Amino acid sequence: MLLNKIPGRGYLLIAVLIFAASNSVTRRLTELGADNLIDGRNPISFCNVLFVGNICALLALIAIYGKEWSPRALNRLSAADWISLIVVAILAGALAPAFIFFALEQTAVNNVVLISRIEPPLTLALSVLILRERVNSWIVIGAILAFVGVILTIVLQPTDSSAINMGGGFSIGKGELMTAIGAIALAISTVISKNRLDQIPLGIFTIFRTAFGTVIFFVLAIKLYGIGHFMDVTTPIVWQWMILYGAVIVVGGQVAWLKGLKTTNAADVALANSISPIAGIIAAFLILGEVPTVAHYIGGTVIIIGIIFNQVGIARQNKLLDKSKICMGQMDDQVGFKGI
């Protein structure tokens, strides 16, 4: 079968390209809805895209991983596991995508692409502080540069009358702020997942996160906007596009990413992630005709330099790990402790 011949790096690349294009595709779908109004309402609103897209994705995930939801597997989960699952579902399944989608209503896709890069350095900082992970100076410098690049992307934006004054002469647009909040939520959920959810079956994790996150988002949206906000959710134009969106963007991206993770190492994953901002900006240009501004060029360049430092750091760290394994193996051979 052709799909089985694709190497792990190929799957990671496919996933990154899908994820990079997702923001531009979402914006394009809402523009399509604006051209097909129903009584003055956009049927393919950002809320409808997120809600119906998640439902379609959930159905596909159940079809793929539903067998993992066995009573035996569920009984193995502790109360702490369920609490962690709930927190991650709220952060990564509801709040983060909601803030990113709301940000797309307020600002350019390129802003969302670049400012969301605040997530990797935040995840690194939290992993060092909470999980006591050890990293070298190259990785630290790379994270700092990526953070600086995000800040430059924000502060070099043209002055917006709707910008929020943060004090000290610093202001930030609503879309940029929402993107940053979404990235922070993702960073926290990533650290919780690494610390608590490594042993939970993938099917249970993905299905619960999608289902519970969708319910939380739906409840919050009703509280904020009322039930009438979803009155167009059953229209055919929404479902015909969301089935495709859910299958390709949500499920296709996740499945490709997870298949890639099975046969690749940390360096391959980091390299694939490093392509994301460039791919996202290219996708915004090709799909939406969105041209990068001076702020995007300056901030994006600093972010890319940070990514290069990060790549060098990961390569050096992996080389040291490989050397330590070789040394340990040689010691085992000399002392005679090798297992049979």
Protein backbone atom coordinates (compact mmCIF):
# COMPACT_ATOMS: atom_id res chain seq x y z
CA MET A 1 0.00 0.00 0.00
CA LEU A 2 1.31 3.44 -0.99
CA LEU A 3 0.60 5.06 2.41
CA ASN A 4 2.76 2.44 4.17
CA LYS A 5 5.73 3.42 2.00
CA ILE A 6 5.70 7.03 3.22
CA PRO A 7 8.54 7.55 5.77
CA GLY A 8 7.88 9.03 9.20
CA ARG A 9 9.43 12.36 8.20
CA GLY A 10 7.05 12.45 5.23
CA TYR A 11 4.05 12.10 7.53
CA LEU A 12 5.36 14.87 9.80
CA LEU A 13 5.81 17.14 6.79
CA ILE A 14 2.27 16.40 5.57
CA ALA A 15 0.87 17.15 9.03
CA VAL A 16 2.79 20.43 9.33
CA LEU A 17 1.61 21.58 5.90
CA ILE A 18 -2.01 20.75 6.80
CA PHE A 19 -1.79 22.55 10.14
CA ALA A 20 -0.01 25.53 8.55
CA ALA A 21 -2.79 25.93 5.99
CA SER A 22 -5.62 25.47 8.51
CA ASN A 23 -5.90 29.14 9.55
CA SER A 24 -6.02 30.34 5.95
CA VAL A 25 -8.54 27.65 5.00
CA THR A 26 -10.72 28.64 7.97
CA ARG A 27 -10.65 32.31 6.96
CA ARG A 28 -11.43 31.35 3.34
CA LEU A 29 -14.43 29.27 4.42
CA THR A 30 -15.87 32.17 6.42
CA GLU A 31 -15.43 34.41 3.38
CA LEU A 32 -17.32 31.80 1.36
CA GLY A 33 -20.11 31.94 3.94
CA ALA A 34 -20.16 35.74 3.69
CA ASP A 35 -20.94 35.32 -0.02
CA ASN A 36 -23.88 33.02 0.83
CA LEU A 37 -25.67 34.88 3.64
CA ILE A 38 -28.87 33.53 5.18
CA ASP A 39 -31.14 36.41 6.26
CA GLY A 40 -28.04 38.56 6.65
CA ARG A 41 -26.16 35.95 8.71
CA ASN A 42 -22.96 34.16 7.76
CA PRO A 43 -23.75 30.40 8.01
CA ILE A 44 -20.04 29.49 7.97
CA SER A 45 -19.11 31.65 10.95
CA PHE A 46 -15.97 30.94 12.96
CA CYS A 47 -18.07 29.42 15.77
CA ASN A 48 -19.90 27.13 13.34
CA VAL A 49 -16.60 26.10 11.73
CA LEU A 50 -15.12 25.14 15.10
CA PHE A 51 -18.27 23.43 16.43
CA VAL A 52 -19.32 21.47 13.34
CA GLY A 53 -15.71 20.78 12.32
CA ASN A 54 -15.08 19.23 15.74
CA ILE A 55 -18.21 17.08 15.47
CA CYS A 56 -17.09 15.76 12.07
CA ALA A 57 -13.60 15.16 13.45
CA LEU A 58 -15.04 13.38 16.50
CA LEU A 59 -17.03 10.98 14.29
CA ALA A 60 -13.90 10.21 12.29
CA LEU A 61 -11.80 9.70 15.45
CA ILE A 62 -14.42 7.32 16.88
CA ALA A 63 -14.29 5.31 13.64
CA ILE A 64 -10.48 5.13 13.84
CA TYR A 65 -9.85 4.75 17.59
CA GLY A 66 -13.24 3.72 19.01
CA LYS A 67 -12.03 0.19 19.84
CA GLU A 68 -9.63 1.61 22.43
CA TRP A 69 -12.62 2.70 24.57
CA SER A 70 -12.95 -0.66 26.29
CA PRO A 71 -14.12 -1.01 29.92
CA ARG A 72 -10.77 -2.57 30.80
CA ALA A 73 -8.80 0.40 29.42
CA LEU A 74 -11.10 2.94 31.08
CA ASN A 75 -10.85 1.19 34.47
CA ARG A 76 -7.07 1.61 34.39
CA LEU A 77 -7.40 5.39 34.48
CA SER A 78 -7.02 6.94 37.90
CA ALA A 79 -8.94 9.94 39.23
CA ALA A 80 -5.83 12.05 38.62
CA ASP A 81 -5.75 10.87 34.99
CA TRP A 82 -9.37 11.95 34.47
CA ILE A 83 -8.73 15.35 36.06
CA SER A 84 -5.71 15.85 33.78
CA LEU A 85 -7.77 14.80 30.76
CA ILE A 86 -10.49 17.30 31.66
CA VAL A 87 -8.00 20.15 32.13
CA VAL A 88 -6.23 19.36 28.84
CA ALA A 89 -9.58 19.08 27.01
CA ILE A 90 -10.65 22.50 28.31
CA LEU A 91 -7.31 24.14 27.46
CA ALA A 92 -6.43 22.44 24.15
CA GLY A 93 -9.88 21.32 23.00
CA ALA A 94 -11.94 24.41 23.83
CA LEU A 95 -10.10 27.56 24.95
CA ALA A 96 -7.05 27.47 22.64
CA PRO A 97 -8.94 26.86 19.37
CA ALA A 98 -11.68 29.30 20.41
CA PHE A 99 -9.18 32.10 21.05
CA ILE A 100 -7.34 31.34 17.79
CA PHE A 101 -10.61 31.36 15.82
CA PHE A 102 -11.73 34.61 17.46
CA ALA A 103 -8.28 36.04 16.66
CA LEU A 104 -8.79 35.22 12.98
CA GLU A 105 -11.86 37.48 13.06
CA GLN A 106 -9.79 40.37 14.40
CA THR A 107 -6.38 40.25 12.72
CA ALA A 108 -4.38 39.01 9.73
CA VAL A 109 -3.61 35.31 9.39
CA ASN A 110 0.13 36.09 9.31
CA ASN A 111 -0.18 37.69 12.75
CA VAL A 112 -1.82 34.54 14.09
CA VAL A 113 0.84 32.33 12.45
CA LEU A 114 3.79 34.26 13.90
CA ILE A 115 2.42 35.23 17.32
CA SER A 116 1.31 31.65 17.99
CA ARG A 117 5.04 30.78 17.86
CA ILE A 118 5.15 31.99 21.44
CA GLU A 119 3.95 28.50 22.39
CA PRO A 120 7.26 26.54 21.92
CA PRO A 121 9.40 28.82 24.16
CA LEU A 122 6.63 28.89 26.78
CA THR A 123 6.38 25.10 26.68
CA LEU A 124 10.16 24.87 27.05
CA ALA A 125 10.19 27.28 30.01
CA LEU A 126 7.39 25.40 31.77
CA SER A 127 9.05 22.04 31.07
CA VAL A 128 12.31 23.27 32.64
CA LEU A 129 10.58 24.81 35.66
CA ILE A 130 7.97 22.11 36.32
CA LEU A 131 9.28 18.90 34.73
CA ARG A 132 12.96 19.70 35.41
CA GLU A 133 13.93 18.97 31.82
CA ARG A 134 17.54 19.72 30.96
CA VAL A 135 18.35 21.78 27.87
CA ASN A 136 21.56 23.32 26.53
CA SER A 137 22.33 26.98 25.91
CA TRP A 138 21.58 26.74 22.17
CA ILE A 139 17.99 25.72 22.86
CA VAL A 140 17.58 28.45 25.49
CA ILE A 141 18.93 31.12 23.12
CA GLY A 142 16.64 29.82 20.37
CA ALA A 143 13.61 30.06 22.66
CA ILE A 144 14.54 33.61 23.71
CA LEU A 145 14.98 34.69 20.08
CA ALA A 146 11.62 33.16 19.12
CA PHE A 147 9.99 35.05 22.00
CA VAL A 148 11.68 38.30 20.92
CA GLY A 149 10.50 37.71 17.34
CA VAL A 150 6.89 37.41 18.55
CA ILE A 151 7.21 40.62 20.58
CA LEU A 152 8.65 42.45 17.54
CA THR A 153 5.76 41.20 15.40
CA ILE A 154 3.35 42.72 17.92
CA VAL A 155 5.04 46.06 18.65
CA LEU A 156 5.88 46.84 15.01
CA GLN A 157 2.23 46.55 13.97
CA PRO A 158 0.57 49.77 12.74
CA THR A 159 -1.36 51.56 15.50
CA ASP A 160 -4.93 50.29 15.73
CA SER A 161 -7.70 52.32 17.35
CA SER A 162 -9.15 49.11 18.83
CA ALA A 163 -5.81 48.09 20.39
CA ILE A 164 -5.76 47.38 24.11
CA ASN A 165 -3.45 49.56 26.21
CA MET A 166 -1.38 47.27 28.43
CA GLY A 167 0.33 50.15 30.27
CA GLY A 168 3.81 51.59 29.96
CA GLY A 169 3.08 52.80 26.45
CA PHE A 170 2.60 49.22 25.21
CA SER A 171 -0.58 48.32 23.35
CA ILE A 172 -1.70 45.16 21.60
CA GLY A 173 -4.48 44.43 19.13
CA LYS A 174 -7.39 42.25 20.19
CA GLY A 175 -6.53 39.58 17.63
CA GLU A 176 -2.89 39.48 18.68
CA LEU A 177 -3.85 39.23 22.35
CA MET A 178 -6.30 36.40 21.65
CA THR A 179 -3.62 34.53 19.70
CA ALA A 180 -1.18 34.88 22.61
CA ILE A 181 -3.79 33.62 25.11
CA GLY A 182 -4.54 30.63 22.87
CA ALA A 183 -0.82 29.83 22.59
CA ILE A 184 -0.41 30.05 26.39
CA ALA A 185 -3.33 27.63 26.85
CA LEU A 186 -1.70 25.20 24.40
CA ALA A 187 1.67 25.45 26.16
CA ILE A 188 0.12 24.63 29.54
CA SER A 189 -1.85 21.71 28.08
CA THR A 190 1.30 20.35 26.41
CA VAL A 191 3.20 20.31 29.71
CA ILE A 192 0.28 18.61 31.50
CA SER A 193 0.09 16.03 28.71
CA LYS A 194 3.82 15.29 28.95
CA ASN A 195 3.68 14.99 32.72
CA ARG A 196 0.42 13.11 33.25
CA LEU A 197 -0.96 11.61 30.04
CA ASP A 198 1.93 9.70 28.45
CA GLN A 199 0.50 6.34 29.49
CA ILE A 200 -3.10 6.99 28.43
CA PRO A 201 -4.11 5.24 25.17
CA LEU A 202 -4.07 7.61 22.21
CA GLY A 203 -7.66 6.84 21.24
CA ILE A 204 -9.02 7.67 24.68
CA PHE A 205 -6.98 10.87 24.81
CA THR A 206 -7.93 12.24 21.37
CA ILE A 207 -11.61 11.30 21.50
CA PHE A 208 -12.13 12.64 25.03
CA ARG A 209 -10.25 15.87 24.29
CA THR A 210 -12.29 16.51 21.14
CA ALA A 211 -15.66 15.56 22.65
CA PHE A 212 -15.31 17.31 26.00
CA GLY A 213 -13.64 20.36 24.43
CA THR A 214 -16.50 20.69 21.93
CA VAL A 215 -19.11 20.54 24.70
CA ILE A 216 -17.27 23.19 26.75
CA PHE A 217 -16.94 25.47 23.73
CA PHE A 218 -20.65 25.06 22.87
CA VAL A 219 -21.71 25.91 26.44
CA LEU A 220 -19.42 28.96 26.60
CA ALA A 221 -20.63 30.22 23.21
CA ILE A 222 -24.28 29.92 24.30
CA LYS A 223 -23.52 31.79 27.54
CA LEU A 224 -21.79 34.58 25.62
CA TYR A 225 -23.96 34.86 22.50
CA GLY A 226 -27.15 32.89 23.16
CA ILE A 227 -28.49 29.74 21.48
CA GLY A 228 -29.46 31.75 18.39
CA HIS A 229 -25.76 32.04 17.57
CA PHE A 230 -25.90 28.47 16.22
CA MET A 231 -29.23 28.73 14.34
CA ASP A 232 -27.50 28.09 10.98
CA VAL A 233 -25.48 25.14 12.18
CA THR A 234 -27.74 22.60 10.39
CA THR A 235 -27.70 24.25 6.97
CA PRO A 236 -26.32 22.08 4.11
CA ILE A 237 -23.59 24.56 3.11
CA VAL A 238 -22.07 24.31 6.59
CA TRP A 239 -21.97 20.51 6.67
CA GLN A 240 -20.78 19.99 3.10
CA TRP A 241 -17.68 22.06 3.84
CA MET A 242 -17.21 20.96 7.44
CA ILE A 243 -17.18 17.25 6.59
CA LEU A 244 -14.26 17.98 4.26
CA TYR A 245 -12.65 20.36 6.78
CA GLY A 246 -12.99 17.92 9.68
CA ALA A 247 -11.72 14.95 7.68
CA VAL A 248 -8.73 16.65 6.03
CA ILE A 249 -7.66 19.47 8.37
CA VAL A 250 -8.53 18.09 11.80
CA VAL A 251 -8.36 14.29 11.46
CA GLY A 252 -5.96 14.11 8.51
CA GLY A 253 -3.48 16.40 10.24
CA GLN A 254 -3.69 14.53 13.55
CA VAL A 255 -3.39 11.06 12.00
CA ALA A 256 -0.42 12.10 9.84
CA TRP A 257 1.28 13.68 12.85
CA LEU A 258 0.75 10.66 15.08
CA LYS A 259 1.92 8.21 12.39
CA GLY A 260 5.02 10.33 11.92
CA LEU A 261 5.77 10.37 15.65
CA LYS A 262 5.89 6.55 15.74
CA THR A 263 8.98 6.28 13.52
CA THR A 264 10.86 9.54 14.10
CA ASN A 265 12.94 11.11 16.85
CA ALA A 266 12.81 14.44 18.65
CA ALA A 267 15.12 16.09 16.11
CA ASP A 268 12.81 15.14 13.24
CA VAL A 269 9.79 16.51 15.12
CA ALA A 270 11.59 19.78 15.90
CA LEU A 271 12.67 20.14 12.27
CA ALA A 272 9.12 19.57 11.06
CA ASN A 273 7.80 22.16 13.52
CA SER A 274 10.40 24.67 12.34
CA ILE A 275 8.80 24.70 8.89
CA SER A 276 5.41 25.71 10.31
CA PRO A 277 5.70 29.54 10.33
CA ILE A 278 7.13 29.69 6.81
CA ALA A 279 4.48 27.28 5.52
CA GLY A 280 1.75 29.27 7.28
CA ILE A 281 2.82 32.56 5.68
CA ILE A 282 3.08 30.93 2.23
CA ALA A 283 -0.39 29.40 2.70
CA ALA A 284 -1.84 32.80 3.65
CA PHE A 285 -0.38 34.29 0.47
CA LEU A 286 -1.52 31.47 -1.83
CA ILE A 287 -5.00 30.99 -0.34
CA LEU A 288 -5.89 34.53 0.73
CA GLY A 289 -3.43 36.71 -1.19
CA GLU A 290 -2.21 38.09 2.16
CA VAL A 291 1.15 39.87 1.70
CA PRO A 292 3.52 39.99 4.73
CA THR A 293 4.16 43.41 6.25
CA VAL A 294 7.44 44.87 7.52
CA ALA A 295 6.53 43.65 11.03
CA HIS A 296 6.05 40.13 9.69
CA TYR A 297 9.39 40.16 7.86
CA ILE A 298 11.34 41.45 10.88
CA GLY A 299 9.57 39.35 13.52
CA GLY A 300 9.50 36.28 11.27
CA THR A 301 13.23 36.56 10.55
CA VAL A 302 14.09 36.68 14.26
CA ILE A 303 11.77 33.70 14.90
CA ILE A 304 13.46 31.69 12.13
CA ILE A 305 16.91 32.51 13.56
CA GLY A 306 15.63 31.28 16.92
CA ILE A 307 14.39 28.09 15.27
CA ILE A 308 17.86 27.53 13.74
CA PHE A 309 19.49 27.92 17.18
CA ASN A 310 16.92 25.47 18.57
CA GLN A 311 17.71 22.95 15.83
CA VAL A 312 21.45 23.17 16.55
CA GLY A 313 20.77 22.72 20.26
CA ILE A 314 18.58 19.66 19.72
CA ALA A 315 21.17 18.10 17.38
CA ARG A 316 23.95 18.65 19.96
CA GLN A 317 21.78 17.29 22.77
CA ASN A 318 20.91 14.16 20.78
CA LYS A 319 24.58 13.64 19.91
CA LEU A 320 25.48 13.75 23.61
CA LEU A 321 22.72 11.26 24.42
CA ASP A 322 23.95 8.90 21.71
CA LYS A 323 27.50 9.14 23.06
CA SER A 324 26.34 8.42 26.60
CA LYS A 325 24.42 5.34 25.41
CA ILE A 326 27.52 4.05 23.59
CA CYS A 327 29.65 4.61 26.70
CA MET A 328 27.11 2.80 28.88
CA GLY A 329 27.02 -0.10 26.43
CA GLN A 330 30.81 -0.35 26.47
CA MET A 331 30.80 -0.34 30.28
CA ASP A 332 28.21 -3.12 30.32
CA ASP A 333 30.33 -5.21 27.96
CA GLN A 334 33.45 -4.73 30.08
CA VAL A 335 31.81 -5.43 33.42
CA GLY A 336 29.67 -8.26 32.13
CA PHE A 337 26.24 -6.94 33.08
CA LYS A 338 24.63 -7.30 29.65
CA GLY A 339 21.27 -9.01 29.78
CA ILE A 340 20.75 -12.27 27.95
